[in-house]
Amino acid sequence: MSTGTPSPDDETDPSRAELEARVEELEETTADLKAEVGDGQPKMSIIATKGTLDMAYPPLILASTAAAFGYEVTVFHTFWGLDILHEERSKSLKLSSVGNPNMPVPNAVAALPGMDRMTTKMMEKRIADNDTATIEELIDTSLDMGVEFQACQMTIDLMDYDEDDFYDGVTTGVGAATAIQDMADADIQLLV
């Protein structure tokens, strides 16, 4: 009477060589799948287009936070966003009071001479009073965490920037095609 379980003597049992071959085949398949998926590290791509004091913080905070969570992060800076990476210009970014709907000043008053300087000073004081990191500190921290800051070559040429004026560690000479490919490969894409 048969129990349905083959006996060890049964001719249908695979040999040791057949089992080893099957294990090897499965290991190759697993390796191929891992290669297709990648190393599993999530990727974030940010495009920074604005160079005002209030718009410099979002890409830097998002980049450093994502890097802290294990993301591979690139930030492509173009047009006025390039001022964030410029060592001197980043220390004197302004806050525009005109056209900012959250500014507690009507546009008619915000347009008066000196208002941008005043609102910038107010924001700088608030940043200092709250012990918020400076732009320079966020850039240094991000670079230390492996964030890649890319400077748009077309904007460098257009604005007549000197590549030596950017923070050490900034990747210069990056074109739009590279930025687009980076975004295509990223899990998260942001335009700031």
N, C-alpha and C. Protein backbone atom coordinates (compact mmCIF):
# COMPACT_ATOMS: atom_id res chain seq x y z
N MET A 1 0.85 -1.16 0.00
CA MET A 1 0.00 0.00 0.00
C MET A 1 0.90 1.23 0.00
N SER A 2 0.56 2.18 -0.85
CA SER A 2 1.39 3.37 -1.02
C SER A 2 0.84 4.52 -0.19
N THR A 3 1.75 5.32 0.39
CA THR A 3 1.33 6.49 1.16
C THR A 3 1.45 7.77 0.34
N GLY A 4 1.94 7.67 -0.86
CA GLY A 4 2.09 8.85 -1.70
C GLY A 4 3.43 9.53 -1.52
N THR A 5 4.22 9.10 -0.56
CA THR A 5 5.54 9.69 -0.33
C THR A 5 6.55 8.79 -0.99
N PRO A 6 7.36 9.37 -1.90
CA PRO A 6 8.33 8.51 -2.57
C PRO A 6 9.39 8.02 -1.59
N SER A 7 9.85 6.84 -1.82
CA SER A 7 10.89 6.27 -0.96
C SER A 7 12.25 6.79 -1.41
N PRO A 8 13.24 6.77 -0.54
CA PRO A 8 14.57 7.24 -0.91
C PRO A 8 15.17 6.45 -2.07
N ASP A 9 14.69 5.24 -2.28
CA ASP A 9 15.22 4.40 -3.34
C ASP A 9 14.60 4.75 -4.69
N ASP A 10 13.53 5.56 -4.68
CA ASP A 10 12.79 5.87 -5.89
C ASP A 10 13.70 6.54 -6.92
N GLU A 11 13.51 6.19 -8.18
CA GLU A 11 14.34 6.72 -9.26
C GLU A 11 14.05 8.20 -9.53
N THR A 12 12.96 8.74 -9.04
CA THR A 12 12.59 10.13 -9.32
C THR A 12 13.30 11.13 -8.43
N ASP A 13 13.98 10.70 -7.40
CA ASP A 13 14.70 11.62 -6.53
C ASP A 13 15.87 12.23 -7.29
N PRO A 14 16.05 13.56 -7.17
CA PRO A 14 17.18 14.18 -7.87
C PRO A 14 18.50 13.80 -7.21
N SER A 15 19.51 13.74 -8.01
CA SER A 15 20.83 13.42 -7.48
C SER A 15 21.42 14.67 -6.82
N ARG A 16 22.49 14.45 -6.11
CA ARG A 16 23.18 15.57 -5.46
C ARG A 16 23.66 16.57 -6.51
N ALA A 17 24.17 16.11 -7.61
CA ALA A 17 24.66 16.98 -8.68
C ALA A 17 23.51 17.80 -9.27
N GLU A 18 22.34 17.17 -9.42
CA GLU A 18 21.18 17.89 -9.94
C GLU A 18 20.72 18.97 -8.96
N LEU A 19 20.74 18.66 -7.68
CA LEU A 19 20.38 19.65 -6.66
C LEU A 19 21.36 20.82 -6.65
N GLU A 20 22.65 20.52 -6.74
CA GLU A 20 23.66 21.58 -6.77
C GLU A 20 23.48 22.47 -8.01
N ALA A 21 23.16 21.87 -9.13
CA ALA A 21 22.93 22.63 -10.36
C ALA A 21 21.71 23.54 -10.20
N ARG A 22 20.67 23.01 -9.56
CA ARG A 22 19.45 23.80 -9.34
C ARG A 22 19.73 24.97 -8.39
N VAL A 23 20.49 24.75 -7.32
CA VAL A 23 20.85 25.81 -6.38
C VAL A 23 21.66 26.89 -7.11
N GLU A 24 22.60 26.47 -7.94
CA GLU A 24 23.39 27.42 -8.71
C GLU A 24 22.51 28.26 -9.63
N GLU A 25 21.55 27.61 -10.27
CA GLU A 25 20.61 28.32 -11.17
C GLU A 25 19.78 29.34 -10.39
N LEU A 26 19.31 28.97 -9.21
CA LEU A 26 18.53 29.89 -8.38
C LEU A 26 19.38 31.06 -7.90
N GLU A 27 20.64 30.80 -7.53
CA GLU A 27 21.53 31.88 -7.11
C GLU A 27 21.78 32.87 -8.25
N GLU A 28 21.94 32.36 -9.47
CA GLU A 28 22.13 33.24 -10.63
C GLU A 28 20.88 34.08 -10.88
N THR A 29 19.72 33.46 -10.77
CA THR A 29 18.46 34.19 -10.96
C THR A 29 18.32 35.28 -9.91
N THR A 30 18.63 34.95 -8.66
CA THR A 30 18.57 35.94 -7.59
C THR A 30 19.54 37.09 -7.85
N ALA A 31 20.74 36.78 -8.29
CA ALA A 31 21.73 37.82 -8.58
C ALA A 31 21.24 38.72 -9.71
N ASP A 32 20.61 38.12 -10.75
CA ASP A 32 20.08 38.90 -11.86
C ASP A 32 18.97 39.84 -11.38
N LEU A 33 18.10 39.33 -10.51
CA LEU A 33 17.02 40.16 -9.98
C LEU A 33 17.57 41.31 -9.14
N LYS A 34 18.57 41.03 -8.32
CA LYS A 34 19.19 42.08 -7.50
C LYS A 34 19.82 43.14 -8.39
N ALA A 35 20.44 42.72 -9.48
CA ALA A 35 21.07 43.68 -10.40
C ALA A 35 20.01 44.57 -11.06
N GLU A 36 18.86 43.99 -11.38
CA GLU A 36 17.78 44.76 -11.99
C GLU A 36 17.20 45.77 -11.00
N VAL A 37 17.04 45.37 -9.77
CA VAL A 37 16.45 46.23 -8.76
C VAL A 37 17.46 47.27 -8.27
N GLY A 38 18.73 46.96 -8.30
CA GLY A 38 19.75 47.87 -7.80
C GLY A 38 20.08 47.53 -6.38
N ASP A 39 20.78 48.45 -5.73
CA ASP A 39 21.22 48.17 -4.36
C ASP A 39 20.13 48.42 -3.34
N GLY A 40 18.97 48.88 -3.79
CA GLY A 40 17.87 49.10 -2.88
C GLY A 40 17.88 50.46 -2.22
N GLN A 41 18.91 51.27 -2.47
CA GLN A 41 18.97 52.60 -1.87
C GLN A 41 18.02 53.52 -2.63
N PRO A 42 17.08 54.13 -1.92
CA PRO A 42 16.16 55.05 -2.60
C PRO A 42 16.89 56.30 -3.06
N LYS A 43 16.35 56.94 -4.09
CA LYS A 43 17.01 58.09 -4.69
C LYS A 43 16.05 59.27 -4.78
N MET A 44 16.55 60.47 -4.45
CA MET A 44 15.76 61.69 -4.54
C MET A 44 16.50 62.68 -5.44
N SER A 45 15.74 63.33 -6.31
CA SER A 45 16.30 64.35 -7.20
C SER A 45 15.50 65.64 -6.98
N ILE A 46 16.23 66.73 -6.70
CA ILE A 46 15.60 68.02 -6.44
C ILE A 46 16.14 69.03 -7.45
N ILE A 47 15.25 69.86 -7.99
CA ILE A 47 15.65 70.95 -8.87
C ILE A 47 15.41 72.25 -8.08
N ALA A 48 16.48 73.03 -7.87
CA ALA A 48 16.37 74.30 -7.14
C ALA A 48 16.49 75.44 -8.15
N THR A 49 15.43 76.26 -8.26
CA THR A 49 15.40 77.31 -9.28
C THR A 49 15.36 78.72 -8.71
N LYS A 50 15.20 78.84 -7.41
CA LYS A 50 15.04 80.18 -6.82
C LYS A 50 16.17 80.45 -5.84
N GLY A 51 16.61 81.71 -5.79
CA GLY A 51 17.75 82.06 -4.96
C GLY A 51 17.45 83.09 -3.89
N THR A 52 16.20 83.14 -3.43
CA THR A 52 15.89 84.05 -2.33
C THR A 52 16.13 83.32 -1.01
N LEU A 53 16.24 84.08 0.05
CA LEU A 53 16.52 83.51 1.36
C LEU A 53 15.47 82.46 1.75
N ASP A 54 14.21 82.79 1.54
CA ASP A 54 13.15 81.86 1.93
C ASP A 54 13.08 80.62 1.03
N MET A 55 13.58 80.72 -0.20
CA MET A 55 13.53 79.57 -1.11
C MET A 55 14.83 78.77 -1.12
N ALA A 56 15.84 79.24 -0.39
CA ALA A 56 17.09 78.48 -0.29
C ALA A 56 16.95 77.33 0.72
N TYR A 57 16.13 77.54 1.73
CA TYR A 57 15.99 76.54 2.79
C TYR A 57 15.30 75.24 2.35
N PRO A 58 14.18 75.28 1.62
CA PRO A 58 13.50 74.02 1.30
C PRO A 58 14.36 72.96 0.61
N PRO A 59 15.09 73.28 -0.47
CA PRO A 59 15.88 72.20 -1.07
C PRO A 59 17.00 71.69 -0.17
N LEU A 60 17.58 72.58 0.64
CA LEU A 60 18.67 72.17 1.52
C LEU A 60 18.17 71.31 2.68
N ILE A 61 17.05 71.69 3.25
CA ILE A 61 16.48 70.90 4.36
C ILE A 61 15.99 69.55 3.86
N LEU A 62 15.31 69.54 2.71
CA LEU A 62 14.83 68.28 2.15
C LEU A 62 16.00 67.36 1.79
N ALA A 63 17.04 67.93 1.20
CA ALA A 63 18.20 67.12 0.79
C ALA A 63 18.90 66.52 2.00
N SER A 64 19.18 67.33 3.01
CA SER A 64 19.90 66.81 4.18
C SER A 64 19.07 65.80 4.95
N THR A 65 17.76 66.04 5.03
CA THR A 65 16.89 65.10 5.74
C THR A 65 16.80 63.77 4.99
N ALA A 66 16.64 63.84 3.67
CA ALA A 66 16.57 62.61 2.88
C ALA A 66 17.88 61.83 2.99
N ALA A 67 19.01 62.53 2.95
CA ALA A 67 20.30 61.86 3.09
C ALA A 67 20.41 61.18 4.45
N ALA A 68 19.89 61.83 5.49
CA ALA A 68 19.91 61.24 6.83
C ALA A 68 19.08 59.96 6.90
N PHE A 69 18.06 59.88 6.04
CA PHE A 69 17.22 58.68 5.99
C PHE A 69 17.73 57.66 4.99
N GLY A 70 18.92 57.87 4.45
CA GLY A 70 19.54 56.87 3.58
C GLY A 70 19.31 57.06 2.10
N TYR A 71 18.72 58.17 1.70
CA TYR A 71 18.51 58.42 0.28
C TYR A 71 19.80 58.88 -0.38
N GLU A 72 19.96 58.50 -1.63
CA GLU A 72 20.99 59.10 -2.48
C GLU A 72 20.34 60.36 -3.05
N VAL A 73 20.94 61.53 -2.82
CA VAL A 73 20.28 62.79 -3.17
C VAL A 73 21.15 63.62 -4.10
N THR A 74 20.52 64.14 -5.15
CA THR A 74 21.17 65.15 -5.99
C THR A 74 20.25 66.37 -6.03
N VAL A 75 20.88 67.55 -6.01
CA VAL A 75 20.14 68.80 -6.13
C VAL A 75 20.75 69.57 -7.30
N PHE A 76 19.97 69.74 -8.35
CA PHE A 76 20.39 70.47 -9.55
C PHE A 76 19.97 71.92 -9.39
N HIS A 77 20.94 72.83 -9.34
CA HIS A 77 20.67 74.26 -9.16
C HIS A 77 20.77 74.96 -10.51
N THR A 78 19.71 75.68 -10.86
CA THR A 78 19.68 76.39 -12.13
C THR A 78 19.11 77.79 -11.92
N PHE A 79 19.41 78.67 -12.83
CA PHE A 79 19.03 80.08 -12.78
C PHE A 79 19.33 80.65 -11.40
N TRP A 80 18.39 81.35 -10.77
CA TRP A 80 18.71 82.02 -9.51
C TRP A 80 19.01 81.04 -8.38
N GLY A 81 18.61 79.80 -8.53
CA GLY A 81 18.94 78.78 -7.53
C GLY A 81 20.43 78.55 -7.41
N LEU A 82 21.18 78.96 -8.45
CA LEU A 82 22.63 78.81 -8.43
C LEU A 82 23.28 79.70 -7.36
N ASP A 83 22.61 80.80 -6.99
CA ASP A 83 23.15 81.69 -5.95
C ASP A 83 23.30 80.96 -4.62
N ILE A 84 22.52 79.93 -4.38
CA ILE A 84 22.61 79.15 -3.14
C ILE A 84 23.98 78.49 -3.02
N LEU A 85 24.55 78.08 -4.15
CA LEU A 85 25.83 77.38 -4.15
C LEU A 85 27.04 78.31 -4.25
N HIS A 86 26.80 79.58 -4.51
CA HIS A 86 27.86 80.58 -4.64
C HIS A 86 28.26 81.03 -3.24
N GLU A 87 29.52 80.84 -2.87
CA GLU A 87 29.93 81.10 -1.48
C GLU A 87 29.60 82.51 -1.01
N GLU A 88 29.87 83.51 -1.80
CA GLU A 88 29.60 84.89 -1.37
C GLU A 88 28.12 85.25 -1.48
N ARG A 89 27.51 84.95 -2.59
CA ARG A 89 26.10 85.32 -2.81
C ARG A 89 25.17 84.61 -1.83
N SER A 90 25.52 83.39 -1.43
CA SER A 90 24.65 82.65 -0.51
C SER A 90 24.59 83.30 0.87
N LYS A 91 25.58 84.11 1.18
CA LYS A 91 25.62 84.78 2.49
C LYS A 91 24.82 86.08 2.50
N SER A 92 24.33 86.50 1.32
CA SER A 92 23.57 87.75 1.27
C SER A 92 22.28 87.58 0.46
N LEU A 93 21.65 86.41 0.58
CA LEU A 93 20.38 86.19 -0.10
C LEU A 93 19.31 87.08 0.52
N LYS A 94 18.41 87.56 -0.29
CA LYS A 94 17.37 88.50 0.16
C LYS A 94 16.01 87.79 0.21
N LEU A 95 15.13 88.41 0.96
CA LEU A 95 13.74 87.96 1.05
C LEU A 95 12.88 89.02 0.38
N SER A 96 12.16 88.64 -0.66
CA SER A 96 11.32 89.60 -1.36
C SER A 96 10.00 89.78 -0.62
N SER A 97 9.67 91.02 -0.35
CA SER A 97 8.41 91.29 0.34
C SER A 97 7.27 91.53 -0.63
N VAL A 98 7.56 91.82 -1.89
CA VAL A 98 6.52 92.05 -2.90
C VAL A 98 6.10 90.71 -3.51
N GLY A 99 4.81 90.51 -3.63
CA GLY A 99 4.29 89.31 -4.26
C GLY A 99 4.33 88.07 -3.39
N ASN A 100 4.66 88.23 -2.14
CA ASN A 100 4.68 87.11 -1.21
C ASN A 100 3.37 87.14 -0.43
N PRO A 101 2.43 86.27 -0.74
CA PRO A 101 1.11 86.35 -0.11
C PRO A 101 1.11 86.12 1.39
N ASN A 102 2.15 85.51 1.92
CA ASN A 102 2.21 85.27 3.36
C ASN A 102 2.95 86.35 4.12
N MET A 103 3.46 87.33 3.40
CA MET A 103 4.17 88.44 4.06
C MET A 103 3.12 89.30 4.76
N PRO A 104 3.34 89.63 6.03
CA PRO A 104 2.33 90.40 6.77
C PRO A 104 2.36 91.90 6.43
N VAL A 105 2.69 92.19 5.17
CA VAL A 105 2.77 93.57 4.71
C VAL A 105 2.03 93.67 3.37
N PRO A 106 1.13 94.61 3.19
CA PRO A 106 0.45 94.76 1.90
C PRO A 106 1.47 95.07 0.79
N ASN A 107 1.20 94.62 -0.43
CA ASN A 107 2.12 94.85 -1.54
C ASN A 107 2.45 96.32 -1.74
N ALA A 108 1.48 97.20 -1.52
CA ALA A 108 1.74 98.63 -1.70
C ALA A 108 2.82 99.11 -0.74
N VAL A 109 2.82 98.59 0.46
CA VAL A 109 3.85 98.95 1.44
C VAL A 109 5.14 98.18 1.15
N ALA A 110 5.00 96.91 0.77
CA ALA A 110 6.16 96.07 0.49
C ALA A 110 7.00 96.62 -0.66
N ALA A 111 6.39 97.38 -1.56
CA ALA A 111 7.09 97.93 -2.71
C ALA A 111 7.90 99.18 -2.37
N LEU A 112 7.75 99.70 -1.19
CA LEU A 112 8.49 100.90 -0.80
C LEU A 112 9.99 100.60 -0.74
N PRO A 113 10.82 101.59 -1.06
CA PRO A 113 12.28 101.39 -1.00
C PRO A 113 12.71 100.93 0.40
N GLY A 114 13.58 99.94 0.43
CA GLY A 114 14.13 99.45 1.69
C GLY A 114 13.35 98.34 2.35
N MET A 115 12.16 98.02 1.83
CA MET A 115 11.33 96.98 2.48
C MET A 115 11.96 95.59 2.34
N ASP A 116 12.55 95.29 1.18
CA ASP A 116 13.20 93.98 1.05
C ASP A 116 14.33 93.84 2.06
N ARG A 117 15.09 94.91 2.23
CA ARG A 117 16.19 94.89 3.21
C ARG A 117 15.64 94.67 4.61
N MET A 118 14.53 95.34 4.93
CA MET A 118 13.94 95.21 6.26
C MET A 118 13.39 93.80 6.49
N THR A 119 12.65 93.26 5.51
CA THR A 119 12.09 91.91 5.69
C THR A 119 13.20 90.86 5.73
N THR A 120 14.29 91.10 4.98
CA THR A 120 15.42 90.18 5.03
C THR A 120 16.05 90.19 6.42
N LYS A 121 16.25 91.37 6.96
CA LYS A 121 16.83 91.48 8.31
C LYS A 121 15.92 90.82 9.34
N MET A 122 14.62 91.00 9.20
CA MET A 122 13.67 90.35 10.13
C MET A 122 13.79 88.83 10.05
N MET A 123 13.89 88.30 8.83
CA MET A 123 14.01 86.85 8.66
C MET A 123 15.36 86.35 9.20
N GLU A 124 16.43 87.07 8.94
CA GLU A 124 17.74 86.68 9.46
C GLU A 124 17.74 86.66 10.98
N LYS A 125 17.07 87.62 11.59
CA LYS A 125 16.97 87.66 13.06
C LYS A 125 16.18 86.46 13.57
N ARG A 126 15.09 86.17 12.88
CA ARG A 126 14.27 85.02 13.28
C ARG A 126 15.07 83.72 13.16
N ILE A 127 15.85 83.58 12.09
CA ILE A 127 16.69 82.40 11.90
C ILE A 127 17.70 82.29 13.03
N ALA A 128 18.35 83.40 13.37
CA ALA A 128 19.34 83.40 14.45
C ALA A 128 18.69 83.13 15.81
N ASP A 129 17.55 83.77 16.07
CA ASP A 129 16.87 83.59 17.36
C ASP A 129 16.41 82.16 17.57
N ASN A 130 16.06 81.46 16.51
CA ASN A 130 15.59 80.08 16.60
C ASN A 130 16.72 79.07 16.45
N ASP A 131 17.95 79.57 16.37
CA ASP A 131 19.12 78.71 16.22
C ASP A 131 18.97 77.77 15.02
N THR A 132 18.39 78.31 13.96
CA THR A 132 18.25 77.55 12.71
C THR A 132 19.58 77.56 11.98
N ALA A 133 19.92 76.47 11.35
CA ALA A 133 21.18 76.38 10.60
C ALA A 133 21.21 77.43 9.50
N THR A 134 22.40 77.93 9.23
CA THR A 134 22.57 78.88 8.14
C THR A 134 22.61 78.12 6.81
N ILE A 135 22.54 78.85 5.73
CA ILE A 135 22.65 78.23 4.40
C ILE A 135 23.99 77.49 4.30
N GLU A 136 25.06 78.15 4.72
CA GLU A 136 26.40 77.55 4.66
C GLU A 136 26.46 76.26 5.49
N GLU A 137 25.88 76.28 6.68
CA GLU A 137 25.89 75.08 7.54
C GLU A 137 25.10 73.95 6.89
N LEU A 138 23.97 74.26 6.28
CA LEU A 138 23.17 73.22 5.62
C LEU A 138 23.90 72.64 4.42
N ILE A 139 24.60 73.49 3.67
CA ILE A 139 25.37 72.99 2.52
C ILE A 139 26.50 72.08 3.01
N ASP A 140 27.25 72.54 4.00
CA ASP A 140 28.36 71.73 4.53
C ASP A 140 27.86 70.39 5.08
N THR A 141 26.78 70.43 5.84
CA THR A 141 26.20 69.20 6.40
C THR A 141 25.76 68.26 5.29
N SER A 142 25.07 68.81 4.30
CA SER A 142 24.59 68.00 3.19
C SER A 142 25.74 67.36 2.42
N LEU A 143 26.77 68.14 2.14
CA LEU A 143 27.94 67.59 1.43
C LEU A 143 28.59 66.48 2.25
N ASP A 144 28.69 66.68 3.56
CA ASP A 144 29.26 65.65 4.44
C ASP A 144 28.43 64.37 4.41
N MET A 145 27.12 64.51 4.17
CA MET A 145 26.22 63.36 4.16
C MET A 145 26.13 62.72 2.78
N GLY A 146 26.88 63.25 1.81
CA GLY A 146 26.91 62.65 0.48
C GLY A 146 25.95 63.24 -0.54
N VAL A 147 25.28 64.34 -0.19
CA VAL A 147 24.39 64.99 -1.16
C VAL A 147 25.24 65.57 -2.28
N GLU A 148 24.81 65.36 -3.51
CA GLU A 148 25.52 65.93 -4.65
C GLU A 148 24.80 67.20 -5.09
N PHE A 149 25.49 68.32 -4.98
CA PHE A 149 24.97 69.60 -5.46
C PHE A 149 25.53 69.82 -6.86
N GLN A 150 24.63 70.00 -7.82
CA GLN A 150 25.03 70.18 -9.21
C GLN A 150 24.72 71.61 -9.65
N ALA A 151 25.69 72.23 -10.34
CA ALA A 151 25.52 73.58 -10.87
C ALA A 151 25.28 73.50 -12.38
N CYS A 152 24.20 74.08 -12.84
CA CYS A 152 23.82 74.06 -14.25
C CYS A 152 24.85 74.82 -15.09
N GLN A 153 25.45 74.13 -16.05
CA GLN A 153 26.48 74.76 -16.87
C GLN A 153 25.93 75.91 -17.71
N MET A 154 24.74 75.75 -18.27
CA MET A 154 24.17 76.82 -19.07
C MET A 154 23.98 78.08 -18.24
N THR A 155 23.52 77.92 -17.00
CA THR A 155 23.33 79.08 -16.12
C THR A 155 24.67 79.69 -15.73
N ILE A 156 25.67 78.87 -15.49
CA ILE A 156 27.01 79.38 -15.18
C ILE A 156 27.48 80.29 -16.32
N ASP A 157 27.29 79.82 -17.56
CA ASP A 157 27.70 80.61 -18.72
C ASP A 157 26.83 81.85 -18.88
N LEU A 158 25.52 81.68 -18.75
CA LEU A 158 24.58 82.77 -18.94
C LEU A 158 24.80 83.90 -17.93
N MET A 159 25.02 83.55 -16.68
CA MET A 159 25.18 84.53 -15.61
C MET A 159 26.64 84.94 -15.40
N ASP A 160 27.53 84.36 -16.21
CA ASP A 160 28.95 84.68 -16.15
C ASP A 160 29.55 84.43 -14.77
N TYR A 161 29.20 83.28 -14.18
CA TYR A 161 29.75 82.89 -12.89
C TYR A 161 31.14 82.29 -13.09
N ASP A 162 31.96 82.40 -12.07
CA ASP A 162 33.26 81.74 -12.05
C ASP A 162 33.08 80.47 -11.21
N GLU A 163 33.40 79.32 -11.79
CA GLU A 163 33.18 78.04 -11.09
C GLU A 163 33.96 77.95 -9.77
N ASP A 164 35.03 78.71 -9.65
CA ASP A 164 35.82 78.70 -8.41
C ASP A 164 35.10 79.38 -7.25
N ASP A 165 34.00 80.10 -7.55
CA ASP A 165 33.27 80.82 -6.50
C ASP A 165 32.23 79.95 -5.79
N PHE A 166 32.06 78.72 -6.26
CA PHE A 166 31.10 77.83 -5.62
C PHE A 166 31.75 77.12 -4.44
N TYR A 167 30.92 76.63 -3.53
CA TYR A 167 31.42 75.86 -2.39
C TYR A 167 32.23 74.66 -2.89
N ASP A 168 33.27 74.30 -2.13
CA ASP A 168 34.04 73.10 -2.46
C ASP A 168 33.10 71.90 -2.39
N GLY A 169 33.20 71.03 -3.36
CA GLY A 169 32.36 69.84 -3.40
C GLY A 169 31.18 69.96 -4.34
N VAL A 170 30.91 71.16 -4.85
CA VAL A 170 29.81 71.34 -5.82
C VAL A 170 30.27 70.82 -7.17
N THR A 171 29.42 70.05 -7.84
CA THR A 171 29.70 69.53 -9.16
C THR A 171 29.28 70.56 -10.19
N THR A 172 30.24 71.06 -10.96
CA THR A 172 29.94 72.06 -11.98
C THR A 172 29.90 71.40 -13.35
N GLY A 173 29.38 72.14 -14.32
CA GLY A 173 29.36 71.64 -15.68
C GLY A 173 28.26 70.62 -15.96
N VAL A 174 27.22 70.62 -15.17
CA VAL A 174 26.14 69.65 -15.34
C VAL A 174 25.08 70.26 -16.26
N GLY A 175 24.65 69.50 -17.23
CA GLY A 175 23.64 69.97 -18.17
C GLY A 175 22.26 69.45 -17.86
N ALA A 176 21.29 69.99 -18.58
CA ALA A 176 19.88 69.61 -18.38
C ALA A 176 19.66 68.13 -18.67
N ALA A 177 20.36 67.58 -19.65
CA ALA A 177 20.19 66.16 -19.99
C ALA A 177 20.56 65.27 -18.81
N THR A 178 21.64 65.64 -18.12
CA THR A 178 22.06 64.88 -16.93
C THR A 178 21.01 65.00 -15.83
N ALA A 179 20.48 66.21 -15.65
CA ALA A 179 19.45 66.41 -14.62
C ALA A 179 18.20 65.60 -14.93
N ILE A 180 17.81 65.57 -16.20
CA ILE A 180 16.61 64.81 -16.59
C ILE A 180 16.83 63.31 -16.36
N GLN A 181 18.01 62.81 -16.73
CA GLN A 181 18.30 61.39 -16.49
C GLN A 181 18.29 61.08 -15.00
N ASP A 182 18.84 61.98 -14.20
CA ASP A 182 18.85 61.80 -12.75
C ASP A 182 17.42 61.74 -12.22
N MET A 183 16.55 62.62 -12.71
CA MET A 183 15.15 62.61 -12.27
C MET A 183 14.46 61.32 -12.70
N ALA A 184 14.76 60.85 -13.92
CA ALA A 184 14.15 59.62 -14.41
C ALA A 184 14.52 58.42 -13.56
N ASP A 185 15.73 58.44 -13.02
CA ASP A 185 16.21 57.33 -12.20
C ASP A 185 15.80 57.43 -10.73
N ALA A 186 15.25 58.58 -10.34
CA ALA A 186 14.94 58.83 -8.92
C ALA A 186 13.57 58.29 -8.53
N ASP A 187 13.44 57.95 -7.26
CA ASP A 187 12.17 57.52 -6.71
C ASP A 187 11.30 58.74 -6.40
N ILE A 188 11.95 59.84 -6.01
CA ILE A 188 11.24 61.08 -5.67
C ILE A 188 11.87 62.21 -6.47
N GLN A 189 11.03 62.99 -7.16
CA GLN A 189 11.50 64.15 -7.91
C GLN A 189 10.75 65.38 -7.40
N LEU A 190 11.53 66.44 -7.10
CA LEU A 190 10.93 67.66 -6.58
C LEU A 190 11.45 68.86 -7.35
N LEU A 191 10.58 69.80 -7.62
CA LEU A 191 10.96 71.09 -8.21
C LEU A 191 10.68 72.15 -7.17
N VAL A 192 11.72 72.82 -6.71
CA VAL A 192 11.57 73.82 -5.66
C VAL A 192 11.95 75.18 -6.20
